Structures are given as structure tokens and as C-alpha cells.
PDB file of N, CA and C in Angstrom:
ATOM      1  N   MET A   1     115.904  80.213  92.600  1.00  0.00           N
ATOM      2  CA  MET A   1     116.269  80.127  91.240  1.00  0.00           C
ATOM      3  C   MET A   1     116.361  79.414  90.478  1.00  0.00           C
ATOM      4  N   ASP A   2     115.706  78.195  90.736  1.00  0.00           N
ATOM      5  CA  ASP A   2     115.527  76.944  90.062  1.00  0.00           C
ATOM      6  C   ASP A   2     115.062  76.892  88.784  1.00  0.00           C
ATOM      7  N   ASP A   3     113.909  77.766  88.495  1.00  0.00           N
ATOM      8  CA  ASP A   3     113.518  77.780  87.253  1.00  0.00           C
ATOM      9  C   ASP A   3     114.291  78.835  86.071  1.00  0.00           C
ATOM     10  N   GLY A   4     115.523  79.034  86.362  1.00  0.00           N
ATOM     11  CA  GLY A   4     116.113  80.187  85.576  1.00  0.00           C
ATOM     12  C   GLY A   4     116.139  81.467  85.919  1.00  0.00           C
ATOM     13  N   GLY A   5     114.607  82.005  86.449  1.00  0.00           N
ATOM     14  CA  GLY A   5     114.530  83.355  86.707  1.00  0.00           C
ATOM     15  C   GLY A   5     115.443  83.784  87.685  1.00  0.00           C
ATOM     16  N   PRO A   6     115.100  85.272  87.767  1.00  0.00           N
ATOM     17  CA  PRO A   6     116.036  85.998  88.707  1.00  0.00           C
ATOM     18  C   PRO A   6     115.551  85.677  90.306  1.00  0.00           C
ATOM     19  N   ASP A   7     116.231  85.486  90.982  1.00  0.00           N
ATOM     20  CA  ASP A   7     116.529  85.094  92.542  1.00  0.00           C
ATOM     21  C   ASP A   7     115.786  86.119  93.382  1.00  0.00           C
ATOM     22  N   ARG A   8     114.630  85.648  94.121  1.00  0.00           N
ATOM     23  CA  ARG A   8     113.772  86.471  94.939  1.00  0.00           C
ATOM     24  C   ARG A   8     114.240  87.563  95.700  1.00  0.00           C
ATOM     25  N   LEU A   9     115.754  87.304  96.075  1.00  0.00           N
ATOM     26  CA  LEU A   9     116.486  88.405  97.074  1.00  0.00           C
ATOM     27  C   LEU A   9     116.891  89.699  95.834  1.00  0.00           C
ATOM     28  N   ASP A  10     117.085  89.388  95.004  1.00  0.00           N
ATOM     29  CA  ASP A  10     117.287  89.846  93.610  1.00  0.00           C
ATOM     30  C   ASP A  10     115.911  91.213  93.138  1.00  0.00           C
ATOM     31  N   GLN A  11     114.713  90.106  93.027  1.00  0.00           N
ATOM     32  CA  GLN A  11     113.741  90.893  93.064  1.00  0.00           C
ATOM     33  C   GLN A  11     113.535  91.667  94.337  1.00  0.00           C
ATOM     34  N   ALA A  12     113.650  91.310  95.683  1.00  0.00           N
ATOM     35  CA  ALA A  12     113.175  92.253  96.712  1.00  0.00           C
ATOM     36  C   ALA A  12     114.150  93.962  96.534  1.00  0.00           C
ATOM     37  N   LEU A  13     115.869  93.181  95.949  1.00  0.00           N
ATOM     38  CA  LEU A  13     116.498  94.532  96.569  1.00  0.00           C
ATOM     39  C   LEU A  13     115.759  95.527  94.931  1.00  0.00           C
ATOM     40  N   GLY A  14     115.589  94.865  94.112  1.00  0.00           N
ATOM     41  CA  GLY A  14     115.464  95.371  93.114  1.00  0.00           C
ATOM     42  C   GLY A  14     113.732  96.496  93.318  1.00  0.00           C
ATOM     43  N   LEU A  15     113.079  95.823  93.921  1.00  0.00           N
ATOM     44  CA  LEU A  15     111.771  96.433  94.505  1.00  0.00           C
ATOM     45  C   LEU A  15     111.833  97.739  95.173  1.00  0.00           C
ATOM     46  N   ALA A  16     113.159  97.342  96.847  1.00  0.00           N
ATOM     47  CA  ALA A  16     113.663  98.248  97.375  1.00  0.00           C
ATOM     48  C   ALA A  16     114.105  99.574  96.258  1.00  0.00           C
ATOM     49  N   ILE A  17     114.670  99.265  95.793  1.00  0.00           N
ATOM     50  CA  ILE A  17     115.607 100.448  95.272  1.00  0.00           C
ATOM     51  C   ILE A  17     114.181 101.022  94.455  1.00  0.00           C
ATOM     52  N   ARG A  18     113.250 100.625  93.487  1.00  0.00           N
ATOM     53  CA  ARG A  18     112.450 100.863  93.053  1.00  0.00           C
ATOM     54  C   ARG A  18     111.530 102.119  93.720  1.00  0.00           C
ATOM     55  N   LEU A  19     111.448 101.522  94.696  1.00  0.00           N
ATOM     56  CA  LEU A  19     110.582 102.094  95.786  1.00  0.00           C
ATOM     57  C   LEU A  19     111.084 103.385  96.429  1.00  0.00           C
ATOM     58  N   ARG A  20     112.411 103.339  96.753  1.00  0.00           N
ATOM     59  CA  ARG A  20     113.234 104.387  97.046  1.00  0.00           C
ATOM     60  C   ARG A  20     113.509 105.857  95.949  1.00  0.00           C
ATOM     61  N   ARG A  21     113.614 105.113  94.975  1.00  0.00           N
ATOM     62  CA  ARG A  21     113.681 106.036  93.339  1.00  0.00           C
ATOM     63  C   ARG A  21     112.407 106.881  93.544  1.00  0.00           C
ATOM     64  N   HIS A  22     111.419 106.060  93.453  1.00  0.00           N
ATOM     65  CA  HIS A  22     109.908 106.707  93.728  1.00  0.00           C
ATOM     66  C   HIS A  22     109.748 107.319  94.713  1.00  0.00           C
ATOM     67  N   ALA A  23     110.265 107.516  95.706  1.00  0.00           N
ATOM     68  CA  ALA A  23     110.137 108.055  96.982  1.00  0.00           C
ATOM     69  C   ALA A  23     110.528 109.458  96.805  1.00  0.00           C
ATOM     70  N   ARG A  24     111.868 109.330  96.172  1.00  0.00           N
ATOM     71  CA  ARG A  24     112.887 110.440  96.162  1.00  0.00           C
ATOM     72  C   ARG A  24     111.943 111.403  94.395  1.00  0.00           C
ATOM     73  N   GLY A  25     111.834 110.779  94.043  1.00  0.00           N
ATOM     74  CA  GLY A  25     111.072 111.861  92.414  1.00  0.00           C
ATOM     75  C   GLY A  25     111.878 111.657  91.437  1.00  0.00           C
ATOM     76  N   LEU A  26     112.605 110.539  91.019  1.00  0.00           N
ATOM     77  CA  LEU A  26     113.765 110.313  90.480  1.00  0.00           C
ATOM     78  C   LEU A  26     113.111 109.131  89.314  1.00  0.00           C
ATOM     79  N   SER A  27     113.459 109.710  88.099  1.00  0.00           N
ATOM     80  CA  SER A  27     113.315 108.687  86.949  1.00  0.00           C
ATOM     81  C   SER A  27     114.705 107.991  86.990  1.00  0.00           C
ATOM     82  N   GLN A  28     114.290 106.512  85.815  1.00  0.00           N
ATOM     83  CA  GLN A  28     114.996 105.333  85.732  1.00  0.00           C
ATOM     84  C   GLN A  28     116.692 106.405  85.324  1.00  0.00           C
ATOM     85  N   SER A  29     116.254 106.994  84.267  1.00  0.00           N
ATOM     86  CA  SER A  29     116.992 107.753  83.719  1.00  0.00           C
ATOM     87  C   SER A  29     118.001 108.669  84.714  1.00  0.00           C
ATOM     88  N   ALA A  30     117.489 109.533  85.747  1.00  0.00           N
ATOM     89  CA  ALA A  30     118.177 110.153  86.419  1.00  0.00           C
ATOM     90  C   ALA A  30     119.089 109.327  87.259  1.00  0.00           C
ATOM     91  N   LEU A  31     118.392 108.279  87.778  1.00  0.00           N
ATOM     92  CA  LEU A  31     118.998 107.425  88.780  1.00  0.00           C
ATOM     93  C   LEU A  31     120.407 106.856  88.104  1.00  0.00           C
ATOM     94  N   GLY A  32     120.081 105.975  86.504  1.00  0.00           N
ATOM     95  CA  GLY A  32     121.337 105.617  85.663  1.00  0.00           C
ATOM     96  C   GLY A  32     122.263 106.923  85.686  1.00  0.00           C
ATOM     97  N   GLU A  33     121.734 107.560  85.720  1.00  0.00           N
ATOM     98  CA  GLU A  33     122.841 109.184  85.138  1.00  0.00           C
ATOM     99  C   GLU A  33     123.617 109.666  86.564  1.00  0.00           C
ATOM    100  N   ALA A  34     123.053 109.521  87.642  1.00  0.00           N
ATOM    101  CA  ALA A  34     123.644 109.400  88.636  1.00  0.00           C
ATOM    102  C   ALA A  34     124.829 108.777  89.060  1.00  0.00           C
ATOM    103  N   ILE A  35     124.346 107.107  88.524  1.00  0.00           N
ATOM    104  CA  ILE A  35     125.349 106.271  89.463  1.00  0.00           C
ATOM    105  C   ILE A  35     126.054 105.737  87.677  1.00  0.00           C
ATOM    106  N   GLY A  36     126.116 106.279  86.753  1.00  0.00           N
ATOM    107  CA  GLY A  36     127.010 106.298  85.605  1.00  0.00           C
ATOM    108  C   GLY A  36     126.533 104.676  84.965  1.00  0.00           C
ATOM    109  N   VAL A  37     125.203 104.464  84.714  1.00  0.00           N
ATOM    110  CA  VAL A  37     124.314 103.408  83.865  1.00  0.00           C
ATOM    111  C   VAL A  37     123.602 104.015  83.505  1.00  0.00           C
ATOM    112  N   SER A  38     123.143 102.992  82.213  1.00  0.00           N
ATOM    113  CA  SER A  38     122.081 103.421  81.237  1.00  0.00           C
ATOM    114  C   SER A  38     120.617 103.086  81.898  1.00  0.00           C
ATOM    115  N   PHE A  39     119.174 103.781  81.516  1.00  0.00           N
ATOM    116  CA  PHE A  39     118.234 103.845  82.345  1.00  0.00           C
ATOM    117  C   PHE A  39     117.844 102.056  81.822  1.00  0.00           C
ATOM    118  N   GLN A  40     118.252 101.462  81.092  1.00  0.00           N
ATOM    119  CA  GLN A  40     117.743 100.004  80.646  1.00  0.00           C
ATOM    120  C   GLN A  40     118.276  99.713  81.995  1.00  0.00           C
ATOM    121  N   GLN A  41     119.966  99.395  82.263  1.00  0.00           N
ATOM    122  CA  GLN A  41     120.238  98.707  83.679  1.00  0.00           C
ATOM    123  C   GLN A  41     119.658  99.278  84.634  1.00  0.00           C
ATOM    124  N   ILE A  42     119.390  99.845  85.191  1.00  0.00           N
ATOM    125  CA  ILE A  42     118.318 100.509  86.137  1.00  0.00           C
ATOM    126  C   ILE A  42     116.929  99.915  86.219  1.00  0.00           C
ATOM    127  N   GLN A  43     116.588  99.571  85.165  1.00  0.00           N
ATOM    128  CA  GLN A  43     115.418  98.194  84.846  1.00  0.00           C
ATOM    129  C   GLN A  43     115.586  96.980  85.247  1.00  0.00           C
ATOM    130  N   LYS A  44     116.850  96.903  84.902  1.00  0.00           N
ATOM    131  CA  LYS A  44     117.262  95.225  85.000  1.00  0.00           C
ATOM    132  C   LYS A  44     117.386  95.089  86.336  1.00  0.00           C
ATOM    133  N   TYR A  45     117.970  95.979  87.143  1.00  0.00           N
ATOM    134  CA  TYR A  45     118.236  95.957  88.648  1.00  0.00           C
ATOM    135  C   TYR A  45     117.096  95.903  89.063  1.00  0.00           C
ATOM    136  N   GLU A  46     115.819  96.905  88.962  1.00  0.00           N
ATOM    137  CA  GLU A  46     114.684  96.872  89.603  1.00  0.00           C
ATOM    138  C   GLU A  46     113.678  95.511  89.134  1.00  0.00           C
ATOM    139  N   ARG A  47     114.100  94.971  88.167  1.00  0.00           N
ATOM    140  CA  ARG A  47     113.616  93.691  87.956  1.00  0.00           C
ATOM    141  C   ARG A  47     114.480  92.612  88.386  1.00  0.00           C
ATOM    142  N   GLY A  48     115.326  92.549  88.970  1.00  0.00           N
ATOM    143  CA  GLY A  48     115.780  91.727  89.661  1.00  0.00           C
ATOM    144  C   GLY A  48     116.851  90.456  88.809  1.00  0.00           C
ATOM    145  N   SER A  49     116.509  91.564  87.261  1.00  0.00           N
ATOM    146  CA  SER A  49     117.267  90.179  86.064  1.00  0.00           C
ATOM    147  C   SER A  49     118.742  90.331  85.906  1.00  0.00           C
ATOM    148  N   ASN A  50     119.292  91.580  86.620  1.00  0.00           N
ATOM    149  CA  ASN A  50     120.591  91.938  86.722  1.00  0.00           C
ATOM    150  C   ASN A  50     121.082  91.712  88.250  1.00  0.00           C
ATOM    151  N   ARG A  51     121.909  91.427  89.000  1.00  0.00           N
ATOM    152  CA  ARG A  51     122.639  91.899  90.238  1.00  0.00           C
ATOM    153  C   ARG A  51     123.052  92.924  90.273  1.00  0.00           C
ATOM    154  N   VAL A  52     123.030  93.454  91.575  1.00  0.00           N
ATOM    155  CA  VAL A  52     123.468  94.689  91.799  1.00  0.00           C
ATOM    156  C   VAL A  52     124.702  94.396  92.692  1.00  0.00           C
ATOM    157  N   SER A  53     126.116  94.852  91.927  1.00  0.00           N
ATOM    158  CA  SER A  53     126.972  94.773  92.708  1.00  0.00           C
ATOM    159  C   SER A  53     127.188  95.562  94.118  1.00  0.00           C
ATOM    160  N   PHE A  54     128.220  95.228  95.053  1.00  0.00           N
ATOM    161  CA  PHE A  54     127.987  95.995  96.254  1.00  0.00           C
ATOM    162  C   PHE A  54     128.409  97.202  95.806  1.00  0.00           C
ATOM    163  N   SER A  55     129.677  97.648  95.102  1.00  0.00           N
ATOM    164  CA  SER A  55     129.885  98.887  94.765  1.00  0.00           C
ATOM    165  C   SER A  55     128.718  99.762  93.980  1.00  0.00           C
ATOM    166  N   THR A  56     128.074  98.985  93.239  1.00  0.00           N
ATOM    167  CA  THR A  56     126.951  99.894  92.410  1.00  0.00           C
ATOM    168  C   THR A  56     125.553  99.782  93.749  1.00  0.00           C
ATOM    169  N   MET A  57     125.356  99.103  94.530  1.00  0.00           N
ATOM    170  CA  MET A  57     124.812  99.436  95.473  1.00  0.00           C
ATOM    171  C   MET A  57     125.147 100.478  96.797  1.00  0.00           C
ATOM    172  N   VAL A  58     126.191 100.703  96.940  1.00  0.00           N
ATOM    173  CA  VAL A  58     126.571 101.937  97.431  1.00  0.00           C
ATOM    174  C   VAL A  58     126.319 103.082  96.605  1.00  0.00           C
ATOM    175  N   ARG A  59     126.810 103.230  95.211  1.00  0.00           N
ATOM    176  CA  ARG A  59     126.544 104.448  94.748  1.00  0.00           C
ATOM    177  C   ARG A  59     125.091 104.822  94.452  1.00  0.00           C
ATOM    178  N   ILE A  60     124.251 103.513  94.184  1.00  0.00           N
ATOM    179  CA  ILE A  60     122.887 103.893  94.107  1.00  0.00           C
ATOM    180  C   ILE A  60     122.072 104.315  95.364  1.00  0.00           C
ATOM    181  N   CYS A  61     122.621 104.078  96.773  1.00  0.00           N
ATOM    182  CA  CYS A  61     122.427 104.401  98.158  1.00  0.00           C
ATOM    183  C   CYS A  61     122.586 105.672  97.990  1.00  0.00           C
ATOM    184  N   GLU A  62     123.778 106.042  97.768  1.00  0.00           N
ATOM    185  CA  GLU A  62     124.179 107.410  97.743  1.00  0.00           C
ATOM    186  C   GLU A  62     123.189 108.650  97.045  1.00  0.00           C
ATOM    187  N   ALA A  63     123.074 108.013  95.945  1.00  0.00           N
ATOM    188  CA  ALA A  63     122.152 108.804  94.596  1.00  0.00           C
ATOM    189  C   ALA A  63     120.836 108.809  95.221  1.00  0.00           C
ATOM    190  N   LEU A  64     120.162 108.230  96.148  1.00  0.00           N
ATOM    191  CA  LEU A  64     118.937 108.275  96.996  1.00  0.00           C
ATOM    192  C   LEU A  64     119.104 108.729  98.090  1.00  0.00           C
ATOM    193  N   GLY A  65     120.053 109.052  98.592  1.00  0.00           N
ATOM    194  CA  GLY A  65     120.142 109.395  99.910  1.00  0.00           C
ATOM    195  C   GLY A  65     119.475 108.462 101.081  1.00  0.00           C
ATOM    196  N   CYS A  66     120.455 106.998 101.298  1.00  0.00           N
ATOM    197  CA  CYS A  66     120.250 106.293 102.053  1.00  0.00           C
ATOM    198  C   CYS A  66     121.212 105.508 102.619  1.00  0.00           C
ATOM    199  N   HIS A  67     121.232 104.702 103.589  1.00  0.00           N
ATOM    200  CA  HIS A  67     122.338 103.852 103.400  1.00  0.00           C
ATOM    201  C   HIS A  67     122.052 102.708 103.032  1.00  0.00           C
ATOM    202  N   VAL A  68     123.072 101.776 103.315  1.00  0.00           N
ATOM    203  CA  VAL A  68     123.336 100.449 102.783  1.00  0.00           C
ATOM    204  C   VAL A  68     122.203  99.814 103.686  1.00  0.00           C
ATOM    205  N   SER A  69     122.407  99.806 104.942  1.00  0.00           N
ATOM    206  CA  SER A  69     121.848  98.991 105.969  1.00  0.00           C
ATOM    207  C   SER A  69     120.053  99.409 105.809  1.00  0.00           C
ATOM    208  N   ASP A  70     120.036 100.656 105.297  1.00  0.00           N
ATOM    209  CA  ASP A  70     118.192 100.920 104.857  1.00  0.00           C
ATOM    210  C   ASP A  70     117.583 100.239 104.227  1.00  0.00           C
ATOM    211  N   LEU A  71     118.863 100.011 102.971  1.00  0.00           N
ATOM    212  CA  LEU A  71     117.934  98.920 102.024  1.00  0.00           C
ATOM    213  C   LEU A  71     117.910  97.847 102.490  1.00  0.00           C
ATOM    214  N   VAL A  72     119.045  97.343 102.803  1.00  0.00           N
ATOM    215  CA  VAL A  72     119.036  95.612 103.044  1.00  0.00           C
ATOM    216  C   VAL A  72     118.163  95.582 104.269  1.00  0.00           C
ATOM    217  N   ALA A  73     117.485  96.396 105.177  1.00  0.00           N
ATOM    218  CA  ALA A  73     116.584  96.026 106.162  1.00  0.00           C
ATOM    219  C   ALA A  73     115.352  96.336 104.896  1.00  0.00           C
ATOM    220  N   GLU A  74     115.124  97.088 104.277  1.00  0.00           N
ATOM    221  CA  GLU A  74     114.080  96.627 103.240  1.00  0.00           C
ATOM    222  C   GLU A  74     113.678  95.526 102.480  1.00  0.00           C
ATOM    223  N   VAL A  75     115.025  94.911 102.021  1.00  0.00           N
ATOM    224  CA  VAL A  75     114.944  93.618 101.161  1.00  0.00           C
ATOM    225  C   VAL A  75     114.704  92.767 102.378  1.00  0.00           C
ATOM    226  N   GLU A  76     115.103  92.628 103.591  1.00  0.00           N
ATOM    227  CA  GLU A  76     114.512  91.274 104.571  1.00  0.00           C
ATOM    228  C   GLU A  76     112.993  91.886 104.823  1.00  0.00           C
ATOM    229  N   GLN A  77     112.656  92.704 104.573  1.00  0.00           N
ATOM    230  CA  GLN A  77     111.123  92.884 105.206  1.00  0.00           C
ATOM    231  C   GLN A  77     110.480  92.206 103.938  1.00  0.00           C
ATOM    232  N   LEU A  78     111.033  92.792 102.798  1.00  0.00           N
ATOM    233  CA  LEU A  78     110.251  92.473 101.334  1.00  0.00           C
ATOM    234  C   LEU A  78     109.955  90.587 101.306  1.00  0.00           C
ATOM    235  N   ASP A  79     111.312  90.222 101.901  1.00  0.00           N
ATOM    236  CA  ASP A  79     111.659  88.526 101.405  1.00  0.00           C
ATOM    237  C   ASP A  79     110.689  87.853 102.508  1.00  0.00           C
ATOM    238  N   ILE A  80     110.439  88.456 103.209  1.00  0.00           N
ATOM    239  CA  ILE A  80     110.001  87.698 104.678  1.00  0.00           C
ATOM    240  C   ILE A  80     108.496  87.632 104.327  1.00  0.00           C
ATOM    241  N   GLY A  81     108.339  88.761 103.970  1.00  0.00           N
ATOM    242  CA  GLY A  81     106.686  88.954 103.474  1.00  0.00           C
ATOM    243  C   GLY A  81     106.413  87.950 102.323  1.00  0.00           C
ATOM    244  N   ALA A  82     107.435  87.696 101.367  1.00  0.00           N
ATOM    245  CA  ALA A  82     107.246  86.725 100.164  1.00  0.00           C
ATOM    246  C   ALA A  82     107.550  85.270 100.791  1.00  0.00           C
ATOM    247  N   LYS A  83     108.010  85.165 101.556  1.00  0.00           N
ATOM    248  CA  LYS A  83     108.300  83.802 101.955  1.00  0.00           C
ATOM    249  C   LYS A  83     107.181  83.341 103.049  1.00  0.00           C
ATOM    250  N   ARG A  84     106.500  84.173 103.546  1.00  0.00           N
ATOM    251  CA  ARG A  84     105.553  83.902 104.659  1.00  0.00           C
ATOM    252  C   ARG A  84     104.437  82.772 104.450  1.00  0.00           C
ATOM    253  N   ASP A  85     104.094  82.803 103.056  1.00  0.00           N
ATOM    254  CA  ASP A  85     103.358  81.280 102.571  1.00  0.00           C
ATOM    255  C   ASP A  85     103.889  81.029 101.067  1.00  0.00           C
ATOM    256  N   ALA A  86     104.711  79.814 101.593  1.00  0.00           N
ATOM    257  CA  ALA A  86     105.273  79.079 100.504  1.00  0.00           C
ATOM    258  C   ALA A  86     104.402  78.392  99.130  1.00  0.00           C
ATOM    259  N   ASP A  87     103.067  78.422  99.748  1.00  0.00           N
ATOM    260  CA  ASP A  87     102.458  77.509  98.622  1.00  0.00           C
ATOM    261  C   ASP A  87     102.284  78.426  97.768  1.00  0.00           C
ATOM    262  N   SER A  88     101.994  79.384  98.036  1.00  0.00           N
ATOM    263  CA  SER A  88     101.442  80.780  96.992  1.00  0.00           C
ATOM    264  C   SER A  88     102.542  81.278  95.794  1.00  0.00           C
ATOM    265  N   PRO A  89     102.137  82.096  95.197  1.00  0.00           N
ATOM    266  CA  PRO A  89     103.005  82.169  94.344  1.00  0.00           C
ATOM    267  C   PRO A  89     103.667  83.392  94.641  1.00  0.00           C
ATOM    268  N   ASP A  90     105.116  83.699  94.305  1.00  0.00           N
ATOM    269  CA  ASP A  90     105.723  84.570  94.563  1.00  0.00           C
ATOM    270  C   ASP A  90     105.191  86.075  94.635  1.00  0.00           C
ATOM    271  N   LEU A  91     105.568  86.647  95.662  1.00  0.00           N
ATOM    272  CA  LEU A  91     104.238  87.766  95.827  1.00  0.00           C
ATOM    273  C   LEU A  91     104.814  88.955  95.292  1.00  0.00           C
ATOM    274  N   LEU A  92     106.434  89.251  94.807  1.00  0.00           N
ATOM    275  CA  LEU A  92     107.274  90.150  94.411  1.00  0.00           C
ATOM    276  C   LEU A  92     106.828  89.955  92.616  1.00  0.00           C
ATOM    277  N   THR A  93     106.104  89.421  92.045  1.00  0.00           N
ATOM    278  CA  THR A  93     106.296  88.773  90.841  1.00  0.00           C
ATOM    279  C   THR A  93     104.876  89.195  90.588  1.00  0.00           C
ATOM    280  N   GLN A  94     103.919  89.610  91.219  1.00  0.00           N
ATOM    281  CA  GLN A  94     102.607  89.696  91.019  1.00  0.00           C
ATOM    282  C   GLN A  94     102.326  91.224  90.465  1.00  0.00           C
ATOM    283  N   PRO A  95     101.873  91.381  89.305  1.00  0.00           N
ATOM    284  CA  PRO A  95     101.999  92.464  88.691  1.00  0.00           C
ATOM    285  C   PRO A  95     101.762  93.671  89.444  1.00  0.00           C
ATOM    286  N   GLU A  96     100.512  93.628  90.268  1.00  0.00           N
ATOM    287  CA  GLU A  96     100.064  94.465  91.164  1.00  0.00           C
ATOM    288  C   GLU A  96     100.693  95.102  92.384  1.00  0.00           C
ATOM    289  N   ALA A  97     102.033  93.751  92.702  1.00  0.00           N
ATOM    290  CA  ALA A  97     103.021  94.466  93.969  1.00  0.00           C
ATOM    291  C   ALA A  97     103.492  96.030  93.872  1.00  0.00           C
ATOM    292  N   ALA A  98     104.165  95.512  93.166  1.00  0.00           N
ATOM    293  CA  ALA A  98     105.282  96.959  92.908  1.00  0.00           C
ATOM    294  C   ALA A  98     104.187  98.425  92.927  1.00  0.00           C
ATOM    295  N   PRO A  99     103.195  98.461  92.256  1.00  0.00           N
ATOM    296  CA  PRO A  99     102.115  99.983  92.371  1.00  0.00           C
ATOM    297  C   PRO A  99     101.431  99.756  93.700  1.00  0.00           C
ATOM    298  N   LEU A 100     101.481  98.800  93.996  1.00  0.00           N
ATOM    299  CA  LEU A 100     100.581  98.786  95.230  1.00  0.00           C
ATOM    300  C   LEU A 100     101.107  99.509  96.454  1.00  0.00           C
ATOM    301  N   LEU A 101     102.405  98.667  96.371  1.00  0.00           N
ATOM    302  CA  LEU A 101     103.975  99.371  97.126  1.00  0.00           C
ATOM    303  C   LEU A 101     104.119 100.886  96.840  1.00  0.00           C
ATOM    304  N   GLU A 102     104.029 100.800  95.850  1.00  0.00           N
ATOM    305  CA  GLU A 102     104.671 102.420  95.536  1.00  0.00           C
ATOM    306  C   GLU A 102     103.638 103.818  96.383  1.00  0.00           C
ATOM    307  N   ALA A 103     102.667 103.141  95.926  1.00  0.00           N
ATOM    308  CA  ALA A 103     101.468 103.906  96.332  1.00  0.00           C
ATOM    309  C   ALA A 103     101.843 104.002  97.687  1.00  0.00           C
ATOM    310  N   LEU A 104     101.219 103.114  98.618  1.00  0.00           N
ATOM    311  CA  LEU A 104     101.638 103.140 100.012  1.00  0.00           C
ATOM    312  C   LEU A 104     102.877 103.420 100.269  1.00  0.00           C
ATOM    313  N   ALA A 105     103.858 103.710  99.680  1.00  0.00           N
ATOM    314  CA  ALA A 105     105.042 104.194 100.115  1.00  0.00           C
ATOM    315  C   ALA A 105     104.722 105.855  99.773  1.00  0.00           C
ATOM    316  N   GLN A 106     103.970 106.103  99.239  1.00  0.00           N
ATOM    317  CA  GLN A 106     103.842 107.506  99.533  1.00  0.00           C
ATOM    318  C   GLN A 106     102.557 107.951  99.942  1.00  0.00           C
ATOM    319  N   ILE A 107     101.903 107.559 100.934  1.00  0.00           N
ATOM    320  CA  ILE A 107     101.029 107.622 101.962  1.00  0.00           C
ATOM    321  C   ILE A 107     102.034 108.033 103.349  1.00  0.00           C
ATOM    322  N   ARG A 108     101.937 109.720 103.527  1.00  0.00           N
ATOM    323  CA  ARG A 108     102.723 109.952 104.622  1.00  0.00           C
ATOM    324  C   ARG A 108     102.402 109.833 105.907  1.00  0.00           C
ATOM    325  N   SER A 109     101.192 109.921 106.059  1.00  0.00           N
ATOM    326  CA  SER A 109     100.599 109.243 107.476  1.00  0.00           C
ATOM    327  C   SER A 109     100.185 107.563 107.845  1.00  0.00           C
ATOM    328  N   PRO A 110     101.344 107.550 108.848  1.00  0.00           N
ATOM    329  CA  PRO A 110     101.175 105.709 109.289  1.00  0.00           C
ATOM    330  C   PRO A 110      99.661 105.412 109.535  1.00  0.00           C
ATOM    331  N   GLY A 111      98.814 106.437 110.224  1.00  0.00           N
ATOM    332  CA  GLY A 111      98.043 105.742 110.556  1.00  0.00           C
ATOM    333  C   GLY A 111      96.689 105.681 109.260  1.00  0.00           C
ATOM    334  N   VAL A 112      96.738 106.329 108.009  1.00  0.00           N
ATOM    335  CA  VAL A 112      96.425 105.566 107.312  1.00  0.00           C
ATOM    336  C   VAL A 112      97.115 105.034 106.239  1.00  0.00           C
ATOM    337  N   ARG A 113      98.692 104.597 106.336  1.00  0.00           N
ATOM    338  CA  ARG A 113      99.031 103.334 105.533  1.00  0.00           C
ATOM    339  C   ARG A 113      98.420 102.143 106.443  1.00  0.00           C
ATOM    340  N   ARG A 114      98.351 102.041 107.911  1.00  0.00           N
ATOM    341  CA  ARG A 114      97.497 100.822 108.650  1.00  0.00           C
ATOM    342  C   ARG A 114      96.392 100.523 107.973  1.00  0.00           C
ATOM    343  N   ALA A 115      95.332 101.865 107.637  1.00  0.00           N
ATOM    344  CA  ALA A 115      93.994 101.801 107.498  1.00  0.00           C
ATOM    345  C   ALA A 115      94.122 101.128 105.988  1.00  0.00           C
ATOM    346  N   VAL A 116      94.873 101.593 104.907  1.00  0.00           N
ATOM    347  CA  VAL A 116      94.648 101.011 103.484  1.00  0.00           C
ATOM    348  C   VAL A 116      95.591  99.675 103.554  1.00  0.00           C
ATOM    349  N   LEU A 117      96.249  99.038 104.866  1.00  0.00           N
ATOM    350  CA  LEU A 117      96.648  97.628 105.180  1.00  0.00           C
ATOM    351  C   LEU A 117      95.216  96.753 105.494  1.00  0.00           C
ATOM    352  N   GLU A 118      94.616  97.717 106.709  1.00  0.00           N
ATOM    353  CA  GLU A 118      93.609  96.563 107.254  1.00  0.00           C
ATOM    354  C   GLU A 118      92.836  96.047 106.253  1.00  0.00           C
ATOM    355  N   LEU A 119      92.379  97.300 105.192  1.00  0.00           N
ATOM    356  CA  LEU A 119      91.336  97.158 104.037  1.00  0.00           C
ATOM    357  C   LEU A 119      91.932  96.272 103.104  1.00  0.00           C
ATOM    358  N   ALA A 120      92.940  95.816 102.884  1.00  0.00           N
ATOM    359  CA  ALA A 120      93.846  95.035 102.001  1.00  0.00           C
ATOM    360  C   ALA A 120      93.414  93.799 102.404  1.00  0.00           C
ATOM    361  N   ARG A 121      93.937  93.665 103.414  1.00  0.00           N
ATOM    362  CA  ARG A 121      93.369  92.556 104.121  1.00  0.00           C
ATOM    363  C   ARG A 121      92.340  91.977 104.590  1.00  0.00           C
ATOM    364  N   GLY A 122      91.406  93.169 105.058  1.00  0.00           N
ATOM    365  CA  GLY A 122      90.114  92.569 104.847  1.00  0.00           C
ATOM    366  C   GLY A 122      89.265  92.070 103.532  1.00  0.00           C
ATOM    367  N   LEU A 123      89.699  92.844 102.390  1.00  0.00           N
ATOM    368  CA  LEU A 123      89.202  92.370 101.249  1.00  0.00           C
ATOM    369  C   LEU A 123      89.468  91.071 101.123  1.00  0.00           C
ATOM    370  N   ALA A 124      91.141  90.564 101.232  1.00  0.00           N
ATOM    371  CA  ALA A 124      91.619  89.371 101.345  1.00  0.00           C
ATOM    372  C   ALA A 124      90.819  88.353 101.492  1.00  0.00           C
ATOM    373  N   ARG A 125      90.341  88.416 102.894  1.00  0.00           N
ATOM    374  CA  ARG A 125      89.454  87.304 103.490  1.00  0.00           C
ATOM    375  C   ARG A 125      87.987  87.344 102.927  1.00  0.00           C
ATOM    376  N   GLU A 126      87.429  88.747 102.291  1.00  0.00           N
ATOM    377  CA  GLU A 126      86.608  87.905 101.573  1.00  0.00           C
ATOM    378  C   GLU A 126      86.528  87.574 100.628  1.00  0.00           C
ATOM    379  N   SER A 127      87.793  87.380  99.893  1.00  0.00           N
ATOM    380  CA  SER A 127      87.414  86.610  98.601  1.00  0.00           C
ATOM    381  C   SER A 127      87.924  84.870  98.677  1.00  0.00           C
TER     382      SER A 127
END
């Protein structure tokens, strides 16, 4: 957070919330209504520009049908991926990151998800 922007962990939590919300088919408005905040507040949580308090995270998890530990595990995975190459730009802030992860999360077959990952890795090696 040296540049005054959102902390990478807050961004990772926001992305994990967004992915879970999309997987459940909820709009930002529906999630906001379920936890008692506006859709604009959900947007800020998902961008990482506003931090999520623990009590709010518990309410979000209840609305999304998951445990806090599930969300924390996803944050750890997303953050590890973002820290893998310290010289590259923050992966979570790339404009394509969230839509790509959302699309990948909607693929039910683990084999197809692995194939998409291998395709992306192959394309990355080519460029």
C-alpha cells in the first residue's frame, strides 16, 4: 500500500468475494441487501478500496453459503499467485484478471479447467 492504493490482500479478498458471488448467481445489489449495505459498498469491497471488517466478512460468507475459512483459503491462493513474480505488475489489478477467473470458475469440469490453464500457459510462453 505504499502508493496509497488498495492493499493486495484487500484486493484478493474482494476478488474472492466477487468470484463466489458470481458462482452463486447473485448481483451486487442482492448481496448488499442480504448483508445490509448498498451495492456501491459491495463494489468497493470487491475492488479492495474499502476493507471488509470481520463481522461483515462473516455476513458475506453466510449470504454466499461458505465458511470464512473457505474465503481465506481463496485469498491465500490468489495472493500467492500475485506474489509469484515480484517484478511483474500486480496480477489482480490487470483488467482481464477478474473476468478470466470468473469464467474459469464457471467451468464445472476439473479436466476442462486444467486444459484452459495449460492453453493460457502455452500462449504465455509463445508471447
